[in-house]
Amino acid sequence: MDYRILNSQAWTLQTLHETSCAEIPSDTGVYFVLVPDGMKIEFTTQTQNHRDLFYEECVLEEKYARCKNKQVLYIGKASGKKGLRQRIRQYMKYGWNEAINHKGGRTIWQIVNAQKLILAYKICEDADAVEHRLLYEFEVENNTLPLVNWKT
């Protein structure tokens, strides 16, 4: 996967939550949750959002161990009218138990210190097709989808 497609800016999930994603554009696009350099990935079943069932820690550990690329945890899309800002804001609110409308990437919130993870994005017109292509490429290269993506 060619990560040159990403914008040059990236934010921690904590910063995005605190700023309500103010610096994220309203364009359509794809976004990535990434592991910052030096962060060890550990899992928990204790999360802030208790509305959903979560994966057992051993399931997550096994899937993460299979990934050759341990930096990319999630690839998501924002194809609605309000684009990236709205979708990423929904994701942050879900993680801080302020909303229930972004269950797709819920596994992120089972990572210890998830608030330190990094989010970057790419503006594109056909976010659905771009996300599908990126997930396909990741799966081909890694023999599995990113940790938090469970289906294409």
Protein backbone atom coordinates (compact mmCIF):
# COMPACT_ATOMS: atom_id res chain seq x y z
CA MET A 1 0.00 0.00 0.00
CA ASP A 2 1.32 3.43 -0.89
CA TYR A 3 0.95 5.72 2.12
CA ARG A 4 1.95 8.77 0.10
CA ILE A 5 -1.78 9.14 -0.55
CA LEU A 6 -2.27 10.40 3.00
CA ASN A 7 -2.38 14.06 3.91
CA SER A 8 0.67 15.38 5.71
CA GLN A 9 -1.29 16.13 8.86
CA ALA A 10 -2.22 13.58 11.48
CA TRP A 11 -3.88 13.89 14.87
CA THR A 12 -4.19 11.74 17.94
CA LEU A 13 -7.66 10.44 18.61
CA GLN A 14 -7.58 12.41 21.87
CA THR A 15 -6.95 15.68 20.01
CA LEU A 16 -9.71 14.95 17.51
CA HIS A 17 -12.14 14.31 20.33
CA GLU A 18 -11.12 17.44 22.24
CA THR A 19 -11.39 19.67 19.15
CA SER A 20 -14.53 18.00 17.79
CA CYS A 21 -12.58 17.39 14.58
CA ALA A 22 -12.52 21.11 13.77
CA GLU A 23 -9.52 20.84 11.43
CA ILE A 24 -10.91 17.92 9.43
CA PRO A 25 -12.49 18.96 6.11
CA SER A 26 -16.06 18.15 5.11
CA ASP A 27 -14.94 16.57 1.83
CA THR A 28 -15.51 12.91 1.13
CA GLY A 29 -12.54 10.61 1.58
CA VAL A 30 -10.90 7.71 3.34
CA TYR A 31 -9.24 7.73 6.73
CA PHE A 32 -6.75 5.59 8.55
CA VAL A 33 -6.13 4.85 12.21
CA LEU A 34 -2.41 4.26 12.67
CA VAL A 35 -0.06 3.19 15.44
CA PRO A 36 2.41 5.93 16.41
CA ASP A 37 6.08 5.01 16.50
CA GLY A 38 7.02 3.19 19.69
CA MET A 39 3.48 2.40 20.86
CA LYS A 40 2.95 -1.20 21.94
CA ILE A 41 -0.46 -2.60 21.04
CA GLU A 42 -2.28 -4.32 23.90
CA PHE A 43 -5.95 -5.23 24.13
CA THR A 44 -8.65 -5.02 26.76
CA THR A 45 -12.33 -5.77 27.08
CA GLN A 46 -12.75 -2.68 29.27
CA THR A 47 -13.88 0.18 27.04
CA GLN A 48 -15.65 3.47 27.48
CA ASN A 49 -18.52 2.47 25.20
CA HIS A 50 -20.31 -0.46 26.78
CA ARG A 51 -23.16 -0.70 24.29
CA ASP A 52 -21.61 -3.31 22.03
CA LEU A 53 -20.22 -6.78 22.28
CA PHE A 54 -16.49 -6.83 21.84
CA TYR A 55 -13.97 -9.36 20.65
CA GLU A 56 -12.05 -11.55 23.04
CA GLU A 57 -8.51 -10.32 23.58
CA CYS A 58 -7.07 -13.60 22.22
CA VAL A 59 -8.97 -13.11 18.93
CA LEU A 60 -7.52 -9.62 18.51
CA GLU A 61 -4.02 -10.73 19.45
CA GLU A 62 -4.16 -13.55 16.90
CA LYS A 63 -5.43 -11.27 14.10
CA TYR A 64 -2.87 -8.56 14.87
CA ALA A 65 -0.06 -11.13 14.94
CA ARG A 66 -1.02 -12.24 11.40
CA CYS A 67 -0.63 -8.72 9.98
CA LYS A 68 2.74 -7.98 8.43
CA ASN A 69 1.87 -4.27 8.48
CA LYS A 70 1.36 -3.45 12.13
CA GLN A 71 1.03 0.31 11.58
CA VAL A 72 -2.39 0.41 9.89
CA LEU A 73 -5.18 -0.59 12.26
CA TYR A 74 -8.24 0.66 10.39
CA ILE A 75 -9.25 1.93 6.97
CA GLY A 76 -12.60 3.71 6.87
CA LYS A 77 -14.56 5.82 4.44
CA ALA A 78 -16.59 8.99 4.65
CA SER A 79 -18.87 9.16 1.64
CA GLY A 80 -21.83 11.06 3.10
CA LYS A 81 -22.82 14.66 2.38
CA LYS A 82 -20.85 16.03 5.33
CA GLY A 83 -17.81 13.91 4.58
CA LEU A 84 -14.76 13.27 6.70
CA ARG A 85 -15.46 15.71 9.52
CA GLN A 86 -18.87 14.26 10.31
CA ARG A 87 -17.79 10.63 10.02
CA ILE A 88 -14.64 11.03 12.09
CA ARG A 89 -16.56 13.07 14.68
CA GLN A 90 -19.03 10.16 14.92
CA TYR A 91 -16.09 7.82 15.43
CA MET A 92 -14.66 9.95 18.23
CA LYS A 93 -18.04 10.31 19.94
CA TYR A 94 -18.56 6.57 19.76
CA GLY A 95 -15.18 5.94 21.36
CA TRP A 96 -15.92 8.32 24.22
CA ASN A 97 -19.39 6.80 24.75
CA GLU A 98 -21.19 9.91 23.51
CA ALA A 99 -22.90 8.23 20.53
CA ILE A 100 -23.75 4.83 19.11
CA ASN A 101 -23.50 5.51 15.38
CA HIS A 102 -20.06 4.18 14.43
CA LYS A 103 -19.86 0.55 15.41
CA GLY A 104 -17.79 -0.45 12.36
CA GLY A 105 -14.45 0.47 13.90
CA ARG A 106 -15.31 -0.42 17.47
CA THR A 107 -12.27 -2.66 17.93
CA ILE A 108 -10.05 0.46 18.11
CA TRP A 109 -11.55 1.16 21.51
CA GLN A 110 -10.34 -2.22 22.79
CA ILE A 111 -6.75 -1.04 22.43
CA VAL A 112 -5.12 0.12 25.64
CA ASN A 113 -4.43 3.88 25.32
CA ALA A 114 -6.43 4.12 22.09
CA GLN A 115 -6.57 7.89 22.55
CA LYS A 116 -2.86 7.99 21.57
CA LEU A 117 -3.47 6.39 18.17
CA ILE A 118 -3.10 8.58 15.09
CA LEU A 119 -5.66 9.41 12.43
CA ALA A 120 -4.80 10.59 8.92
CA TYR A 121 -7.04 10.96 5.86
CA LYS A 122 -7.12 11.32 2.10
CA ILE A 123 -9.71 13.40 0.27
CA CYS A 124 -11.18 11.58 -2.72
CA GLU A 125 -14.43 11.67 -4.67
CA ASP A 126 -15.33 7.97 -4.78
CA ALA A 127 -14.55 7.05 -1.17
CA ASP A 128 -16.41 3.73 -1.41
CA ALA A 129 -14.28 2.52 -4.32
CA VAL A 130 -11.04 3.85 -2.82
CA GLU A 131 -11.72 2.19 0.54
CA HIS A 132 -12.55 -1.09 -1.17
CA ARG A 133 -9.33 -0.95 -3.23
CA LEU A 134 -7.19 -0.09 -0.19
CA LEU A 135 -8.69 -2.92 1.87
CA TYR A 136 -8.16 -5.34 -1.01
CA GLU A 137 -4.52 -4.28 -1.40
CA PHE A 138 -3.93 -4.54 2.34
CA GLU A 139 -5.45 -8.02 2.46
CA VAL A 140 -3.34 -9.21 -0.49
CA GLU A 141 -0.15 -7.85 1.09
CA ASN A 142 -0.90 -9.05 4.64
CA ASN A 143 -3.09 -12.13 4.21
CA THR A 144 -5.67 -10.45 6.43
CA LEU A 145 -7.56 -7.18 6.72
CA PRO A 146 -6.34 -4.47 9.11
CA LEU A 147 -7.01 -5.32 12.76
CA VAL A 148 -10.23 -3.29 13.02
CA ASN A 149 -11.65 -4.09 9.57
CA TRP A 150 -13.48 -7.39 9.58
CA LYS A 151 -14.97 -7.58 6.08
CA THR A 152 -14.54 -5.95 2.68
